[in-house]
């Protein structure tokens, strides 16, 4: 089978994009998806995203996301933003989009070269003595630190990801955070499914922004997040004990197009 693919990246979080409206690629073929994401034997990416025909009235398309290990996964924020840029490239949308992903409905806006994605409301942020935990479409463990540059992200992230605390729920993503100013934070993320540090994580920085607000490290409802791959911003509104109107904003860029036999 010859497959046409597109490569996109959002602050270094890179994805293989496939227009699968014709259902050419089977979602059950874990080995092919894993191979396509393999950086040695395939195209290479943090994940693979299928753009499919919408199943919900009013949607422009459907998002199906797979981690690099070939397994369908929870929501990917940067992936969602890149998929919106891909949909515009294909002529499916212009500057606004609506689609459904594994965690539900999303809206998006393209403006000044940036893609803003509306995330799901967050009803609960759990505070513990040395960390915080919340779900922003994907589960995230958040640790604040004095100097994340010296942290062994792969080693320490894996220890948390595979710890007894998260074993029954399939593991967690782990974010290491350093405060830069009252509304700016540096973030490094270990992603499950990739099983390594990625240059950026959209649901991760969203979790960090909310965790920083709840912990009192910021009073701003728009936070700048500096990742290894670039800058993102997260805005939100606190309503009672939950957060709503959460928007993740940043670049989403076309890298190249190709064909692969698989």
Protein backbone atom coordinates (compact mmCIF):
# COMPACT_ATOMS: atom_id res chain seq x y z
CA UNK A 1 0.00 0.00 0.00
CA UNK A 2 1.34 3.42 -0.99
CA UNK A 3 0.37 6.08 1.51
CA UNK A 4 0.52 9.86 1.10
CA UNK A 5 1.39 11.66 4.32
CA UNK A 6 2.10 15.15 5.57
CA UNK A 7 4.41 16.19 8.38
CA UNK A 8 3.42 19.02 10.76
CA UNK A 9 4.95 20.34 13.95
CA UNK A 10 3.77 22.61 16.74
CA UNK A 11 6.65 23.97 18.84
CA UNK A 12 8.67 20.87 18.01
CA UNK A 13 5.88 18.40 18.81
CA UNK A 14 5.80 16.61 15.44
CA UNK A 15 3.09 14.55 13.80
CA UNK A 16 2.44 12.41 10.74
CA UNK A 17 -0.84 13.64 9.24
CA UNK A 18 -2.98 11.47 6.99
CA UNK A 19 -6.14 12.47 5.16
CA UNK A 20 -8.10 9.32 5.96
CA UNK A 21 -11.52 10.36 4.71
CA UNK A 22 -11.34 7.40 2.32
CA UNK A 23 -10.53 5.03 5.24
CA UNK A 24 -7.43 3.79 3.43
CA UNK A 25 -5.44 3.31 6.64
CA UNK A 26 -6.89 0.88 9.14
CA UNK A 27 -7.04 2.19 12.69
CA UNK A 28 -6.49 -1.35 13.96
CA UNK A 29 -3.07 -1.78 12.36
CA UNK A 30 -0.88 -0.88 15.33
CA UNK A 31 2.31 -2.13 13.68
CA UNK A 32 1.98 0.13 10.62
CA UNK A 33 1.22 3.18 12.77
CA UNK A 34 4.21 2.38 14.99
CA UNK A 35 6.46 2.00 11.96
CA UNK A 36 5.31 5.28 10.42
CA UNK A 37 6.23 7.10 13.65
CA UNK A 38 9.59 5.32 14.01
CA UNK A 39 12.48 7.76 13.53
CA UNK A 40 14.84 5.06 12.23
CA UNK A 41 12.65 2.85 10.05
CA UNK A 42 9.75 5.15 9.19
CA UNK A 43 8.88 8.82 8.84
CA UNK A 44 9.47 9.76 12.45
CA UNK A 45 7.04 11.58 14.74
CA UNK A 46 5.74 11.93 18.29
CA UNK A 47 2.38 10.70 17.02
CA UNK A 48 0.15 10.04 14.02
CA UNK A 49 -3.15 11.81 13.36
CA UNK A 50 -5.93 10.78 11.03
CA UNK A 51 -8.28 13.39 9.62
CA UNK A 52 -11.59 11.63 9.00
CA UNK A 53 -15.10 12.55 7.92
CA UNK A 54 -17.19 14.12 10.68
CA UNK A 55 -19.64 11.98 12.60
CA UNK A 56 -21.25 14.86 14.51
CA UNK A 57 -23.56 17.39 12.87
CA UNK A 58 -21.88 20.78 12.56
CA UNK A 59 -18.34 19.37 12.68
CA UNK A 60 -15.82 19.94 9.89
CA UNK A 61 -13.88 16.72 10.52
CA UNK A 62 -12.98 14.10 13.10
CA UNK A 63 -9.59 13.70 14.83
CA UNK A 64 -8.13 10.28 15.60
CA UNK A 65 -4.78 10.39 17.43
CA UNK A 66 -2.18 7.67 17.98
CA UNK A 67 0.94 7.79 20.12
CA UNK A 68 4.28 6.81 18.59
CA UNK A 69 3.86 3.34 20.11
CA UNK A 70 0.97 2.73 17.70
CA UNK A 71 -1.82 2.87 20.27
CA UNK A 72 -4.79 5.22 20.07
CA UNK A 73 -4.39 7.75 22.82
CA UNK A 74 -6.07 10.49 24.81
CA UNK A 75 -6.25 14.08 23.54
CA UNK A 76 -3.18 15.82 22.10
CA UNK A 77 -3.36 19.62 22.21
CA UNK A 78 -0.55 20.43 19.81
CA UNK A 79 -1.76 17.64 17.55
CA UNK A 80 -5.22 19.16 17.49
CA UNK A 81 -3.78 22.55 16.56
CA UNK A 82 -1.69 20.98 13.79
CA UNK A 83 -4.72 19.09 12.48
CA UNK A 84 -6.62 22.37 12.17
CA UNK A 85 -3.74 23.81 10.11
CA UNK A 86 -3.79 20.63 7.99
CA UNK A 87 -7.55 20.93 7.47
CA UNK A 88 -7.05 24.49 6.23
CA UNK A 89 -4.30 23.28 3.88
CA UNK A 90 -6.75 20.70 2.48
CA UNK A 91 -9.40 23.38 1.98
CA UNK A 92 -11.80 21.85 4.51
CA UNK A 93 -11.88 24.97 6.71
CA UNK A 94 -10.83 28.59 6.50
CA UNK A 95 -9.99 30.40 9.74
CA UNK A 96 -12.41 28.62 12.07
CA UNK A 97 -12.94 24.93 12.72
CA UNK A 98 -15.04 22.58 14.77
CA UNK A 99 -14.16 18.92 15.27
CA UNK A 100 -14.57 16.01 17.64
CA UNK A 101 -11.66 14.15 19.23
CA UNK A 102 -11.55 11.33 21.76
CA UNK A 103 -12.31 13.74 24.63
CA UNK A 104 -15.23 15.50 22.89
CA UNK A 105 -15.92 18.63 20.85
CA UNK A 106 -13.33 21.30 20.11
CA UNK A 107 -13.34 24.70 18.45
CA UNK A 108 -10.32 26.38 16.85
CA UNK A 109 -9.36 29.72 15.34
CA UNK A 110 -6.47 30.54 13.01
CA UNK A 111 -5.22 34.11 13.36
CA UNK A 112 -1.90 35.84 12.61
CA UNK A 113 -0.20 32.54 11.84
CA UNK A 114 -1.19 31.00 15.18
CA UNK A 115 -3.75 28.30 15.90
CA UNK A 116 -5.86 28.59 19.04
CA UNK A 117 -7.62 25.45 20.24
CA UNK A 118 -10.41 25.44 22.81
CA UNK A 119 -9.79 22.71 25.35
CA UNK A 120 -12.30 20.85 27.52
CA UNK A 121 -13.37 22.40 30.82
CA UNK A 122 -11.35 21.18 33.81
CA UNK A 123 -13.45 20.40 36.85
CA UNK A 124 -10.77 19.28 39.28
CA UNK A 125 -7.14 20.09 40.12
CA UNK A 126 -5.70 17.80 42.78
CA UNK A 127 -3.04 19.25 45.08
CA UNK A 128 -0.61 17.05 46.97
CA UNK A 129 2.42 17.89 49.09
CA UNK A 130 5.02 17.78 46.30
CA UNK A 131 2.99 17.73 43.09
CA UNK A 132 -0.34 18.39 41.41
CA UNK A 133 -2.49 16.21 39.17
CA UNK A 134 -5.21 17.07 36.67
CA UNK A 135 -6.72 15.91 33.39
CA UNK A 136 -6.75 18.35 30.47
CA UNK A 137 -7.85 15.78 27.90
CA UNK A 138 -4.84 13.70 28.97
CA UNK A 139 -3.64 13.01 32.53
CA UNK A 140 -0.82 15.20 33.83
CA UNK A 141 1.41 15.07 36.89
CA UNK A 142 2.90 18.54 37.55
CA UNK A 143 6.09 19.15 39.54
CA UNK A 144 7.48 22.63 40.27
CA UNK A 145 11.27 22.84 40.51
CA UNK A 146 14.03 25.42 40.96
CA UNK A 147 16.11 24.29 37.95
CA UNK A 148 14.59 21.96 35.36
CA UNK A 149 17.59 22.32 33.03
CA UNK A 150 19.52 19.87 35.21
CA UNK A 151 16.66 17.36 35.51
CA UNK A 152 16.98 13.96 33.85
CA UNK A 153 13.50 14.12 32.31
CA UNK A 154 13.48 10.63 30.80
CA UNK A 155 14.65 8.94 34.00
CA UNK A 156 12.60 10.91 36.52
CA UNK A 157 9.58 11.10 34.24
CA UNK A 158 9.53 7.33 33.72
CA UNK A 159 9.74 6.76 37.47
CA UNK A 160 6.54 8.75 37.98
CA UNK A 161 4.81 7.46 34.85
CA UNK A 162 5.29 3.81 35.91
CA UNK A 163 4.84 4.35 39.64
CA UNK A 164 2.27 2.44 41.67
CA UNK A 165 0.16 5.61 41.95
CA UNK A 166 -0.69 5.52 38.22
CA UNK A 167 -0.32 1.82 37.40
CA UNK A 168 -4.05 1.07 37.46
CA UNK A 169 -4.95 4.03 35.24
CA UNK A 170 -2.43 3.36 32.47
CA UNK A 171 0.23 5.82 33.55
CA UNK A 172 0.50 9.58 33.29
CA UNK A 173 2.38 12.34 31.50
CA UNK A 174 4.85 14.18 33.73
CA UNK A 175 5.61 17.91 33.61
CA UNK A 176 8.64 19.56 35.22
CA UNK A 177 8.06 23.28 35.70
CA UNK A 178 10.23 26.27 36.59
CA UNK A 179 8.75 29.68 37.34
CA UNK A 180 10.29 32.47 35.22
CA UNK A 181 8.03 35.40 36.17
CA UNK A 182 4.54 36.01 37.55
CA UNK A 183 2.94 34.90 34.27
CA UNK A 184 5.67 32.87 32.56
CA UNK A 185 6.89 29.31 33.15
CA UNK A 186 9.43 26.98 31.59
CA UNK A 187 8.12 23.46 31.00
CA UNK A 188 9.67 20.11 30.10
CA UNK A 189 7.41 17.09 29.60
CA UNK A 190 7.80 13.33 29.64
CA UNK A 191 5.04 11.87 27.47
CA UNK A 192 3.59 8.41 27.91
CA UNK A 193 3.28 6.58 24.60
CA UNK A 194 6.41 8.34 23.38
CA UNK A 195 8.18 7.19 26.57
CA UNK A 196 10.61 10.07 26.43
CA UNK A 197 10.78 13.84 26.65
CA UNK A 198 9.08 15.67 23.79
CA UNK A 199 9.97 19.20 22.75
CA UNK A 200 6.49 20.36 23.68
CA UNK A 201 3.13 19.07 24.95
CA UNK A 202 -0.09 21.02 24.49
CA UNK A 203 -2.23 19.31 27.12
CA UNK A 204 0.84 19.46 29.36
CA UNK A 205 1.31 23.23 29.22
CA UNK A 206 -2.44 23.61 29.69
CA UNK A 207 -2.19 21.57 32.87
CA UNK A 208 0.80 23.62 34.02
CA UNK A 209 -1.03 26.93 33.52
CA UNK A 210 -3.99 25.77 35.62
CA UNK A 211 -1.78 24.18 38.27
CA UNK A 212 0.23 27.39 38.57
CA UNK A 213 -2.97 29.37 39.10
CA UNK A 214 -4.41 26.98 41.70
CA UNK A 215 -1.11 26.84 43.61
CA UNK A 216 -0.92 30.65 43.72
CA UNK A 217 2.23 30.88 41.62
CA UNK A 218 0.35 33.15 39.22
CA UNK A 219 -2.77 35.30 39.37
CA UNK A 220 -2.85 35.76 35.60
CA UNK A 221 -5.59 34.13 33.52
CA UNK A 222 -3.30 34.12 30.51
CA UNK A 223 0.03 32.36 30.98
CA UNK A 224 3.10 32.08 28.76
CA UNK A 225 4.74 28.64 28.61
CA UNK A 226 8.29 28.21 27.30
CA UNK A 227 8.97 24.68 26.04
CA UNK A 228 12.08 23.14 24.50
CA UNK A 229 10.49 23.67 21.08
CA UNK A 230 9.08 27.17 21.44
CA UNK A 231 6.47 29.35 23.12
CA UNK A 232 2.80 28.62 23.77
CA UNK A 233 0.15 30.49 25.70
CA UNK A 234 -2.86 29.30 27.68
CA UNK A 235 -5.80 31.49 28.65
CA UNK A 236 -8.70 30.44 30.87
CA UNK A 237 -11.48 31.60 33.18
CA UNK A 238 -11.95 30.41 36.76
CA UNK A 239 -15.60 29.72 37.50
CA UNK A 240 -16.22 28.56 41.06
CA UNK A 241 -14.09 25.48 41.62
CA UNK A 242 -13.53 24.69 37.94
CA UNK A 243 -11.96 26.19 34.82
CA UNK A 244 -13.68 26.94 31.50
CA UNK A 245 -13.06 28.84 28.26
CA UNK A 246 -9.55 27.32 28.11
CA UNK A 247 -7.59 28.15 24.95
CA UNK A 248 -4.21 26.78 23.89
CA UNK A 249 -2.42 29.03 21.37
CA UNK A 250 0.78 28.64 19.35
CA UNK A 251 2.29 27.96 15.94
CA UNK A 252 1.36 24.90 13.84
CA UNK A 253 3.59 24.52 10.81
CA UNK A 254 3.69 22.41 7.67
CA UNK A 255 7.06 20.65 7.30
CA UNK A 256 6.87 18.38 4.24
CA UNK A 257 4.76 15.96 2.20
CA UNK A 258 5.76 12.49 1.06
CA UNK A 259 4.79 8.97 0.08
CA UNK A 260 5.68 5.75 1.83
CA UNK A 261 5.04 2.11 0.99
CA UNK A 262 3.66 0.16 3.92
